[in-house]
């Protein structure tokens, strides 16, 4: 861990701690995937039963890895766009320590069956208080940095991060029903509505609005090309803010919730096409003439993969909201496949790409191994293809058998085993991928191979290519 007051230490410590967490998170996921193939594999081990481990897995991946890594990236990006140092490096490190303590406590308690048992809101009330404290302290630190900026222009990435810093504390407080400590829940259908308002907006108003600005930052930097359109980026920003808030109820199309709420959810899910297309075209047009750099820049390769995954998962989310498709996919493995596409391919790609971009710069060192990063990327894409394919095929077989064949749930299970095995096999490759990422990041810090610099000044375009060749 870097000194708590050293410049960029909070960013580095967040990113490095997140890199450790992901190994635990995906090992839990692989254990869960194995249980679908061998149901009695861990019989008699209470803390490895599916109901506990699944909650620990989601919270570890979502909050410990993705959220921790994302906040670390913000602590690097915001000062550079603001033109000044982080307002308080010490406060940034305090938030990092509190975040990790809260997640450790939350995950251990979940494995001991201390949970609120609500989707993405399983952490008990006292841990929720710790999470809220970190969110508020992080808001203060970054807003003070932006407030005292020397750069007069408010870059598009700052729009997104500023909005996310406000939305998430409000969303977390409402979604976890923090005003009701005994249960952290409401009663009846009201709790379901609140839960899915929160559950879906964690993806939309936390990870989406928190990671799109990272793409907006890294792509222009690594291509040495200005963002194509500030106007398009604002269309995407306000489009997400307007349309995303009500889409959660498309998970409740067959539940006894008000019809108007379902209709709004479907309409807003389709409306999300507008900001997604605006974002997609903005990055696509920024990348014009720069696609060759994907081969030379490790950070750009991962971030562009995250961009493509975001477009794909957004399309999938909009079409799942249609009642005809929802009727087939609802309650099937298709839905968690959609969630994994969002978290483990879109969000994780961007977090890893940003980690590869930031850590070498903070420590003024070359990436430890480009070869390892290339192998990791191949395992990542191939592994996720098998992993996601297993979810997709399982879900479609389940849905069509239930709906069109009228078969009961239990009778469909034996035929799902090959697809579950496919999912577990892909998951094993993903575990190796994340281990390589963590090893490469930590080796970069520990070995600190010096950056090779030319003995004489190069033209700007050659300087940029030289940096790309070093993995910067």
Protein backbone atom coordinates (compact mmCIF):
# COMPACT_ATOMS: atom_id res chain seq x y z
CA UNK A 1 0.00 0.00 0.00
CA UNK A 2 1.28 3.47 -0.88
CA UNK A 3 1.68 6.24 1.70
CA UNK A 4 -1.74 7.64 2.61
CA UNK A 5 -0.74 11.20 1.66
CA UNK A 6 1.29 10.55 -1.48
CA UNK A 7 -0.17 11.88 -4.72
CA UNK A 8 -2.24 9.25 -6.59
CA UNK A 9 -1.92 6.83 -3.66
CA UNK A 10 -5.70 6.60 -3.11
CA UNK A 11 -6.28 5.77 -6.76
CA UNK A 12 -3.56 3.12 -6.80
CA UNK A 13 -4.63 1.56 -3.48
CA UNK A 14 -8.27 1.32 -4.63
CA UNK A 15 -7.30 -0.28 -7.95
CA UNK A 16 -4.83 -2.73 -6.37
CA UNK A 17 -7.22 -3.81 -3.62
CA UNK A 18 -9.95 -4.32 -6.23
CA UNK A 19 -7.57 -6.52 -8.23
CA UNK A 20 -7.21 -8.80 -5.20
CA UNK A 21 -10.95 -8.95 -4.61
CA UNK A 22 -11.78 -10.16 -8.12
CA UNK A 23 -9.89 -13.43 -7.60
CA UNK A 24 -12.10 -14.26 -4.61
CA UNK A 25 -15.20 -13.13 -6.50
CA UNK A 26 -14.67 -15.29 -9.57
CA UNK A 27 -13.56 -18.32 -7.56
CA UNK A 28 -16.91 -18.09 -5.77
CA UNK A 29 -18.60 -17.85 -9.16
CA UNK A 30 -16.78 -20.91 -10.49
CA UNK A 31 -17.81 -22.83 -7.36
CA UNK A 32 -21.43 -21.86 -8.01
CA UNK A 33 -21.21 -22.86 -11.68
CA UNK A 34 -19.76 -26.23 -10.64
CA UNK A 35 -22.74 -26.81 -8.35
CA UNK A 36 -25.08 -26.61 -11.34
CA UNK A 37 -23.19 -29.54 -12.88
CA UNK A 38 -22.52 -31.46 -9.64
CA UNK A 39 -25.28 -30.45 -7.18
CA UNK A 40 -23.86 -32.42 -4.23
CA UNK A 41 -20.29 -31.22 -4.66
CA UNK A 42 -20.21 -29.24 -1.41
CA UNK A 43 -22.98 -30.94 0.52
CA UNK A 44 -22.52 -30.52 4.26
CA UNK A 45 -20.49 -27.28 4.05
CA UNK A 46 -22.92 -24.56 5.24
CA UNK A 47 -21.01 -21.52 3.96
CA UNK A 48 -20.72 -23.06 0.48
CA UNK A 49 -24.43 -23.68 -0.02
CA UNK A 50 -25.74 -21.91 -3.11
CA UNK A 51 -28.02 -19.47 -1.27
CA UNK A 52 -25.14 -18.01 0.75
CA UNK A 53 -22.34 -18.22 -1.79
CA UNK A 54 -24.33 -16.62 -4.57
CA UNK A 55 -24.95 -13.51 -2.44
CA UNK A 56 -21.30 -13.36 -1.41
CA UNK A 57 -20.24 -13.73 -5.05
CA UNK A 58 -22.42 -10.92 -6.38
CA UNK A 59 -21.44 -8.50 -3.62
CA UNK A 60 -17.74 -9.29 -4.00
CA UNK A 61 -17.76 -8.76 -7.76
CA UNK A 62 -20.11 -5.77 -7.83
CA UNK A 63 -18.90 -3.80 -4.84
CA UNK A 64 -15.41 -5.02 -3.91
CA UNK A 65 -13.98 -5.33 -7.44
CA UNK A 66 -16.03 -3.24 -9.85
CA UNK A 67 -17.06 -0.43 -7.50
CA UNK A 68 -13.68 -0.27 -5.75
CA UNK A 69 -11.82 -0.28 -9.06
CA UNK A 70 -14.17 2.32 -10.53
CA UNK A 71 -13.74 4.70 -7.59
CA UNK A 72 -9.97 4.28 -7.87
CA UNK A 73 -10.14 5.25 -11.55
CA UNK A 74 -12.20 8.33 -10.70
CA UNK A 75 -9.58 9.46 -8.17
CA UNK A 76 -7.05 9.47 -11.02
CA UNK A 77 -9.22 10.85 -13.82
CA UNK A 78 -11.01 13.71 -12.02
CA UNK A 79 -7.85 15.59 -10.93
CA UNK A 80 -6.49 15.47 -14.48
CA UNK A 81 -9.70 16.78 -15.99
CA UNK A 82 -9.97 19.41 -13.23
CA UNK A 83 -6.38 20.59 -13.69
CA UNK A 84 -5.49 20.23 -10.01
CA UNK A 85 -4.50 17.60 -7.46
CA UNK A 86 -7.09 15.55 -5.60
CA UNK A 87 -8.62 17.70 -2.86
CA UNK A 88 -7.55 15.27 -0.11
CA UNK A 89 -5.36 12.25 -0.78
CA UNK A 90 -5.72 11.25 2.87
CA UNK A 91 -9.51 11.30 2.66
CA UNK A 92 -9.31 9.22 -0.52
CA UNK A 93 -7.27 6.58 1.31
CA UNK A 94 -9.63 6.65 4.30
CA UNK A 95 -12.54 5.91 1.96
CA UNK A 96 -10.49 3.06 0.44
CA UNK A 97 -9.85 1.51 3.87
CA UNK A 98 -13.46 1.94 5.02
CA UNK A 99 -14.74 0.45 1.76
CA UNK A 100 -12.64 -2.68 2.10
CA UNK A 101 -13.50 -3.09 5.79
CA UNK A 102 -17.23 -2.76 5.02
CA UNK A 103 -17.07 -5.31 2.20
CA UNK A 104 -15.01 -7.80 4.24
CA UNK A 105 -17.54 -7.56 7.06
CA UNK A 106 -20.50 -7.80 4.68
CA UNK A 107 -19.22 -10.84 2.77
CA UNK A 108 -18.25 -12.74 5.94
CA UNK A 109 -21.64 -12.04 7.49
CA UNK A 110 -23.40 -13.24 4.33
CA UNK A 111 -21.44 -16.51 4.46
CA UNK A 112 -22.58 -16.82 8.09
CA UNK A 113 -26.20 -16.33 6.90
CA UNK A 114 -26.53 -12.75 8.19
CA UNK A 115 -28.27 -11.15 5.23
CA UNK A 116 -31.27 -9.06 4.18
CA UNK A 117 -31.89 -11.54 1.32
CA UNK A 118 -32.82 -8.91 -1.26
CA UNK A 119 -31.36 -8.82 -4.77
CA UNK A 120 -28.12 -6.78 -4.73
CA UNK A 121 -29.17 -5.43 -1.31
CA UNK A 122 -28.10 -8.35 0.86
CA UNK A 123 -25.72 -6.44 3.13
CA UNK A 124 -27.15 -5.93 6.61
CA UNK A 125 -27.99 -2.47 7.95
CA UNK A 126 -24.77 -1.73 9.84
CA UNK A 127 -22.71 -2.57 6.73
CA UNK A 128 -25.05 -0.37 4.67
CA UNK A 129 -24.11 2.49 6.99
CA UNK A 130 -20.43 1.91 6.19
CA UNK A 131 -21.15 1.82 2.45
CA UNK A 132 -23.14 5.06 2.67
CA UNK A 133 -20.33 6.73 4.61
CA UNK A 134 -17.83 5.88 1.87
CA UNK A 135 -20.18 7.09 -0.88
CA UNK A 136 -20.67 10.43 0.89
CA UNK A 137 -16.95 10.92 1.68
CA UNK A 138 -16.06 10.08 -1.91
CA UNK A 139 -18.66 12.59 -3.13
CA UNK A 140 -17.17 15.32 -0.94
CA UNK A 141 -13.59 14.62 -2.05
CA UNK A 142 -14.34 14.59 -5.77
CA UNK A 143 -16.79 17.49 -5.72
CA UNK A 144 -14.25 19.63 -3.85
CA UNK A 145 -11.68 18.69 -6.50
CA UNK A 146 -14.08 19.71 -9.28
CA UNK A 147 -15.15 22.89 -7.44
CA UNK A 148 -11.54 24.09 -7.16
CA UNK A 149 -10.59 23.11 -10.70
CA UNK A 150 -8.34 25.34 -12.76
CA UNK A 151 -9.61 23.94 -16.08
CA UNK A 152 -12.60 26.14 -17.06
CA UNK A 153 -14.17 23.53 -19.31
CA UNK A 154 -16.34 20.88 -17.64
CA UNK A 155 -15.40 17.80 -19.63
CA UNK A 156 -18.02 15.20 -20.46
CA UNK A 157 -16.43 12.63 -18.13
CA UNK A 158 -16.94 15.04 -15.24
CA UNK A 159 -20.63 15.35 -16.12
CA UNK A 160 -21.07 11.61 -15.78
CA UNK A 161 -18.99 11.22 -12.61
CA UNK A 162 -20.68 14.22 -10.96
CA UNK A 163 -24.12 12.77 -11.64
CA UNK A 164 -23.14 9.30 -10.44
CA UNK A 165 -21.74 10.68 -7.18
CA UNK A 166 -25.18 12.13 -6.35
CA UNK A 167 -27.38 9.35 -7.71
CA UNK A 168 -25.75 6.38 -6.01
CA UNK A 169 -26.08 7.49 -2.34
CA UNK A 170 -29.75 8.33 -2.91
CA UNK A 171 -30.30 5.08 -4.78
CA UNK A 172 -28.52 2.98 -2.16
CA UNK A 173 -30.44 4.57 0.72
CA UNK A 174 -33.81 4.03 -0.99
CA UNK A 175 -33.06 0.58 -2.38
CA UNK A 176 -31.77 -0.80 0.92
CA UNK A 177 -34.71 0.75 2.84
CA UNK A 178 -32.20 2.13 5.33
CA UNK A 179 -34.88 3.93 7.32
CA UNK A 180 -36.10 0.51 8.47
CA UNK A 181 -33.03 -1.08 10.18
CA UNK A 182 -34.70 -4.23 11.61
CA UNK A 183 -35.38 -5.75 8.18
CA UNK A 184 -34.02 -3.35 5.56
CA UNK A 185 -37.17 -4.06 3.59
CA UNK A 186 -40.78 -3.06 3.07
CA UNK A 187 -43.64 -5.55 2.96
CA UNK A 188 -45.37 -7.26 0.07
CA UNK A 189 -45.29 -6.06 -3.50
CA UNK A 190 -44.06 -2.61 -2.46
CA UNK A 191 -40.74 -4.13 -1.46
CA UNK A 192 -40.44 -5.86 -4.84
CA UNK A 193 -40.98 -2.56 -6.66
CA UNK A 194 -38.39 -0.79 -4.49
CA UNK A 195 -35.94 -3.67 -4.86
CA UNK A 196 -36.03 -3.68 -8.66
CA UNK A 197 -35.93 0.10 -8.84
CA UNK A 198 -32.66 -0.22 -6.92
CA UNK A 199 -31.36 -3.45 -8.48
CA UNK A 200 -31.57 -2.25 -12.06
CA UNK A 201 -30.37 1.27 -11.34
CA UNK A 202 -27.22 -0.04 -9.66
CA UNK A 203 -26.32 -1.05 -13.22
CA UNK A 204 -27.68 2.10 -14.84
CA UNK A 205 -26.92 4.95 -12.43
CA UNK A 206 -23.76 3.53 -10.88
CA UNK A 207 -21.81 1.25 -13.23
CA UNK A 208 -23.08 2.68 -16.53
CA UNK A 209 -22.77 6.35 -15.67
CA UNK A 210 -19.61 5.61 -13.68
CA UNK A 211 -17.77 3.70 -16.41
CA UNK A 212 -18.87 5.42 -19.62
CA UNK A 213 -16.80 8.47 -18.56
CA UNK A 214 -13.78 6.17 -18.24
CA UNK A 215 -14.31 5.12 -21.86
CA UNK A 216 -14.69 8.78 -22.82
CA UNK A 217 -11.36 9.47 -21.08
CA UNK A 218 -9.21 6.53 -22.19
CA UNK A 219 -10.22 6.33 -25.88
CA UNK A 220 -9.20 9.92 -26.80
CA UNK A 221 -6.03 9.62 -24.71
CA UNK A 222 -4.90 6.34 -26.23
CA UNK A 223 -5.81 7.33 -29.79
CA UNK A 224 -4.52 10.91 -29.46
CA UNK A 225 -7.83 12.00 -31.02
CA UNK A 226 -10.38 14.45 -29.57
CA UNK A 227 -13.77 13.02 -28.66
CA UNK A 228 -15.91 13.24 -31.78
CA UNK A 229 -18.85 15.15 -30.26
CA UNK A 230 -19.43 16.79 -26.88
CA UNK A 231 -23.06 17.27 -27.94
CA UNK A 232 -23.61 13.54 -28.53
CA UNK A 233 -22.12 12.77 -25.14
CA UNK A 234 -24.62 15.09 -23.45
CA UNK A 235 -27.51 13.49 -25.35
CA UNK A 236 -26.33 10.16 -23.97
CA UNK A 237 -25.95 11.59 -20.45
CA UNK A 238 -29.39 13.17 -20.23
CA UNK A 239 -30.95 10.24 -22.09
CA UNK A 240 -29.66 7.82 -19.46
CA UNK A 241 -30.77 10.13 -16.65
CA UNK A 242 -34.27 10.37 -18.12
CA UNK A 243 -34.91 6.85 -19.40
CA UNK A 244 -33.00 4.56 -17.06
CA UNK A 245 -34.72 5.42 -13.78
CA UNK A 246 -37.93 3.51 -14.55
CA UNK A 247 -36.72 0.41 -16.39
CA UNK A 248 -36.46 -1.85 -13.31
CA UNK A 249 -40.12 -2.78 -13.38
CA UNK A 250 -39.63 -4.68 -16.67
CA UNK A 251 -38.52 -7.51 -14.37
CA UNK A 252 -42.06 -7.48 -12.93
CA UNK A 253 -44.18 -7.76 -16.07
CA UNK A 254 -45.88 -10.90 -14.72
CA UNK A 255 -46.17 -9.66 -11.13
CA UNK A 256 -49.28 -7.98 -9.61
CA UNK A 257 -47.87 -4.46 -9.91
CA UNK A 258 -49.79 -1.53 -11.47
CA UNK A 259 -50.16 -1.76 -15.25
CA UNK A 260 -49.02 1.84 -15.70
CA UNK A 261 -45.74 1.00 -13.98
CA UNK A 262 -45.13 -1.92 -16.34
CA UNK A 263 -45.97 0.22 -19.38
CA UNK A 264 -43.55 2.95 -18.28
CA UNK A 265 -40.84 0.33 -17.73
CA UNK A 266 -41.28 -1.11 -21.23
CA UNK A 267 -41.42 2.34 -22.84
CA UNK A 268 -38.31 3.57 -21.03
CA UNK A 269 -36.45 0.35 -21.84
CA UNK A 270 -37.08 1.00 -25.54
CA UNK A 271 -36.26 4.67 -25.05
CA UNK A 272 -32.79 3.67 -23.82
CA UNK A 273 -31.93 2.95 -27.45
CA UNK A 274 -31.50 6.71 -27.97
CA UNK A 275 -28.67 7.36 -25.46
CA UNK A 276 -27.03 4.03 -26.29
CA UNK A 277 -26.87 4.84 -30.00
CA UNK A 278 -25.56 8.34 -29.22
CA UNK A 279 -22.78 6.87 -27.07
CA UNK A 280 -22.03 4.10 -29.56
CA UNK A 281 -21.68 6.50 -32.49
CA UNK A 282 -19.59 8.96 -30.50
CA UNK A 283 -16.93 6.36 -29.68
CA UNK A 284 -17.20 4.73 -33.12
CA UNK A 285 -16.53 8.05 -34.84
CA UNK A 286 -13.72 8.88 -32.41
CA UNK A 287 -12.09 5.57 -33.34
CA UNK A 288 -12.16 6.32 -37.10
CA UNK A 289 -8.66 5.75 -38.46
CA UNK A 290 -7.47 4.50 -35.07
CA UNK A 291 -8.51 0.86 -35.06
CA UNK A 292 -4.92 -0.26 -35.62
CA UNK A 293 -4.10 1.10 -32.17
CA UNK A 294 -6.26 -1.60 -30.60
CA UNK A 295 -3.44 -3.98 -31.56
CA UNK A 296 -0.73 -1.91 -29.87
CA UNK A 297 -2.50 -0.48 -26.81
CA UNK A 298 -3.56 -2.94 -24.11
CA UNK A 299 -5.72 -0.39 -22.24
CA UNK A 300 -7.50 0.65 -25.44
CA UNK A 301 -8.20 -2.97 -26.38
CA UNK A 302 -9.93 -3.71 -23.09
CA UNK A 303 -11.84 -0.41 -23.00
CA UNK A 304 -13.08 -0.77 -26.60
CA UNK A 305 -14.19 -4.31 -25.74
CA UNK A 306 -16.15 -2.81 -22.85
CA UNK A 307 -17.70 -0.31 -25.26
CA UNK A 308 -18.85 -3.10 -27.58
CA UNK A 309 -20.15 -5.14 -24.63
CA UNK A 310 -22.14 -2.15 -23.37
CA UNK A 311 -23.84 -1.74 -26.74
CA UNK A 312 -24.66 -5.45 -26.84
CA UNK A 313 -25.98 -5.66 -23.28
CA UNK A 314 -28.08 -2.52 -23.80
CA UNK A 315 -29.69 -4.01 -26.89
CA UNK A 316 -30.33 -7.23 -24.99
CA UNK A 317 -31.88 -5.32 -22.09
CA UNK A 318 -34.25 -3.39 -24.36
CA UNK A 319 -35.47 -6.48 -26.20
CA UNK A 320 -35.92 -8.40 -22.93
CA UNK A 321 -38.42 -5.75 -21.87
CA UNK A 322 -40.76 -6.70 -24.73
CA UNK A 323 -43.56 -8.82 -23.29
CA UNK A 324 -43.29 -11.58 -25.91
CA UNK A 325 -39.58 -12.10 -25.29
CA UNK A 326 -39.90 -11.57 -21.55
CA UNK A 327 -42.45 -14.37 -21.39
CA UNK A 328 -39.78 -16.82 -22.60
CA UNK A 329 -36.76 -15.46 -20.73
CA UNK A 330 -38.34 -14.59 -17.36
CA UNK A 331 -37.15 -16.82 -14.48
CA UNK A 332 -34.69 -18.55 -16.83
CA UNK A 333 -30.87 -18.49 -16.86
CA UNK A 334 -31.09 -16.00 -19.73
CA UNK A 335 -31.57 -13.18 -17.19
CA UNK A 336 -28.44 -13.84 -15.06
CA UNK A 337 -26.59 -14.26 -18.37
CA UNK A 338 -27.65 -10.70 -19.19
CA UNK A 339 -26.39 -9.50 -15.79
CA UNK A 340 -23.03 -11.22 -16.32
CA UNK A 341 -22.70 -9.65 -19.77
CA UNK A 342 -23.13 -6.29 -18.10
CA UNK A 343 -20.91 -6.79 -15.06
CA UNK A 344 -18.31 -9.33 -16.15
CA UNK A 345 -17.76 -8.18 -19.75
CA UNK A 346 -18.77 -4.52 -20.01
CA UNK A 347 -17.85 -3.26 -16.54
CA UNK A 348 -14.91 -5.58 -15.90
CA UNK A 349 -13.39 -4.81 -19.33
CA UNK A 350 -13.41 -1.09 -18.61
CA UNK A 351 -12.06 -1.48 -15.07
CA UNK A 352 -9.21 -3.73 -16.25
CA UNK A 353 -8.41 -1.47 -19.21
CA UNK A 354 -8.31 1.55 -16.91
CA UNK A 355 -6.11 -0.38 -14.48
CA UNK A 356 -3.65 -1.16 -17.27
CA UNK A 357 -3.71 2.52 -18.25
CA UNK A 358 -3.37 4.09 -14.79
CA UNK A 359 -1.06 1.84 -12.74
CA UNK A 360 1.98 2.12 -15.08
CA UNK A 361 1.54 5.91 -15.13
CA UNK A 362 1.25 6.28 -11.36
CA UNK A 363 4.40 4.23 -10.79
CA UNK A 364 6.21 5.53 -13.90
CA UNK A 365 6.88 1.98 -15.05
CA UNK A 366 6.23 -0.23 -18.04
CA UNK A 367 3.46 -2.79 -17.88
CA UNK A 368 5.16 -5.89 -16.50
CA UNK A 369 4.24 -8.17 -19.40
CA UNK A 370 2.47 -7.31 -22.62
CA UNK A 371 2.58 -10.99 -23.58
CA UNK A 372 0.72 -11.90 -20.41
CA UNK A 373 -1.86 -9.19 -21.12
CA UNK A 374 -2.35 -10.49 -24.66
CA UNK A 375 -2.83 -14.06 -23.41
CA UNK A 376 -5.19 -12.77 -20.74
CA UNK A 377 -7.30 -10.92 -23.29
CA UNK A 378 -7.62 -14.04 -25.46
CA UNK A 379 -8.69 -16.13 -22.47
CA UNK A 380 -11.11 -13.39 -21.47
CA UNK A 381 -12.91 -13.22 -24.81
CA UNK A 382 -12.93 -16.97 -25.48
CA UNK A 383 -13.87 -17.81 -21.90
CA UNK A 384 -16.70 -15.31 -21.82
CA UNK A 385 -18.05 -16.55 -25.16
CA UNK A 386 -18.44 -20.07 -23.72
CA UNK A 387 -19.61 -18.73 -20.37
CA UNK A 388 -22.29 -16.48 -21.85
CA UNK A 389 -23.26 -19.10 -24.41
CA UNK A 390 -24.00 -21.52 -21.57
CA UNK A 391 -26.35 -18.99 -19.96
CA UNK A 392 -27.99 -18.15 -23.28
CA UNK A 393 -28.66 -21.75 -24.34
CA UNK A 394 -29.81 -22.80 -20.87
CA UNK A 395 -32.26 -19.91 -20.71
CA UNK A 396 -33.74 -20.50 -24.15
CA UNK A 397 -34.15 -24.24 -23.53
CA UNK A 398 -35.81 -23.54 -20.19
CA UNK A 399 -38.15 -20.87 -21.52
CA UNK A 400 -39.29 -22.73 -24.62
CA UNK A 401 -39.88 -25.95 -22.69
CA UNK A 402 -41.87 -24.21 -19.98
CA UNK A 403 -43.92 -22.02 -22.32
CA UNK A 404 -44.41 -24.08 -25.47
CA UNK A 405 -44.11 -27.64 -24.19
CA UNK A 406 -45.82 -27.01 -20.86
CA UNK A 407 -43.17 -29.03 -19.03
CA UNK A 408 -42.64 -28.60 -15.28
CA UNK A 409 -39.37 -27.11 -14.06
CA UNK A 410 -37.97 -30.36 -12.66
CA UNK A 411 -38.40 -32.34 -15.89
CA UNK A 412 -36.30 -29.84 -17.89
CA UNK A 413 -33.30 -29.95 -15.53
CA UNK A 414 -31.51 -33.12 -16.82
CA UNK A 415 -31.25 -31.73 -20.34
CA UNK A 416 -29.58 -28.53 -19.08
CA UNK A 417 -26.46 -30.20 -17.73
CA UNK A 418 -24.33 -29.92 -20.94
CA UNK A 419 -25.03 -26.18 -21.14
CA UNK A 420 -24.21 -25.78 -17.44
CA UNK A 421 -20.91 -27.60 -18.07
CA UNK A 422 -20.22 -25.23 -20.97
CA UNK A 423 -20.81 -22.31 -18.63
CA UNK A 424 -18.47 -23.74 -15.96
CA UNK A 425 -15.74 -24.39 -18.56
CA UNK A 426 -15.90 -20.81 -19.77
CA UNK A 427 -15.91 -19.66 -16.16
CA UNK A 428 -12.65 -21.54 -15.51
CA UNK A 429 -10.99 -19.58 -18.35
CA UNK A 430 -12.35 -16.36 -16.85
CA UNK A 431 -10.82 -17.22 -13.49
CA UNK A 432 -7.40 -17.69 -15.15
CA UNK A 433 -7.88 -14.38 -16.99
CA UNK A 434 -8.51 -12.45 -13.78
CA UNK A 435 -5.59 -14.12 -11.98
CA UNK A 436 -3.31 -13.02 -14.83
CA UNK A 437 -4.68 -9.48 -14.59
CA UNK A 438 -3.99 -9.27 -10.87
CA UNK A 439 -0.52 -10.78 -11.27
CA UNK A 440 0.38 -8.39 -14.09
CA UNK A 441 -0.81 -5.31 -12.20
CA UNK A 442 1.03 -6.20 -8.99
CA UNK A 443 4.18 -7.25 -10.86
CA UNK A 444 4.15 -3.86 -12.61
CA UNK A 445 4.20 -2.18 -9.20
CA UNK A 446 6.75 -4.48 -7.57
CA UNK A 447 9.24 -4.85 -10.44
CA UNK A 448 8.86 -1.33 -11.85
CA UNK A 449 10.57 -1.79 -15.16
CA UNK A 450 11.72 1.64 -16.32
CA UNK A 451 9.97 3.30 -19.22
CA UNK A 452 12.27 3.46 -22.25
CA UNK A 453 12.43 7.07 -23.36
CA UNK A 454 13.98 8.30 -26.63
CA UNK A 455 17.33 10.11 -26.37
CA UNK A 456 15.99 12.93 -28.57
CA UNK A 457 12.50 14.47 -28.88
CA UNK A 458 10.10 12.74 -31.25
CA UNK A 459 7.27 14.31 -33.25
CA UNK A 460 3.93 14.04 -31.38
CA UNK A 461 2.61 11.20 -33.52
CA UNK A 462 5.80 9.13 -33.06
CA UNK A 463 5.83 9.83 -29.32
CA UNK A 464 2.29 8.50 -29.10
CA UNK A 465 3.21 5.34 -31.03
CA UNK A 466 6.25 4.79 -28.82
CA UNK A 467 4.07 5.02 -25.74
CA UNK A 468 1.61 2.57 -27.24
CA UNK A 469 4.41 0.11 -27.95
CA UNK A 470 5.31 0.21 -24.25
CA UNK A 471 1.75 -0.63 -23.27
CA UNK A 472 0.90 2.88 -22.04
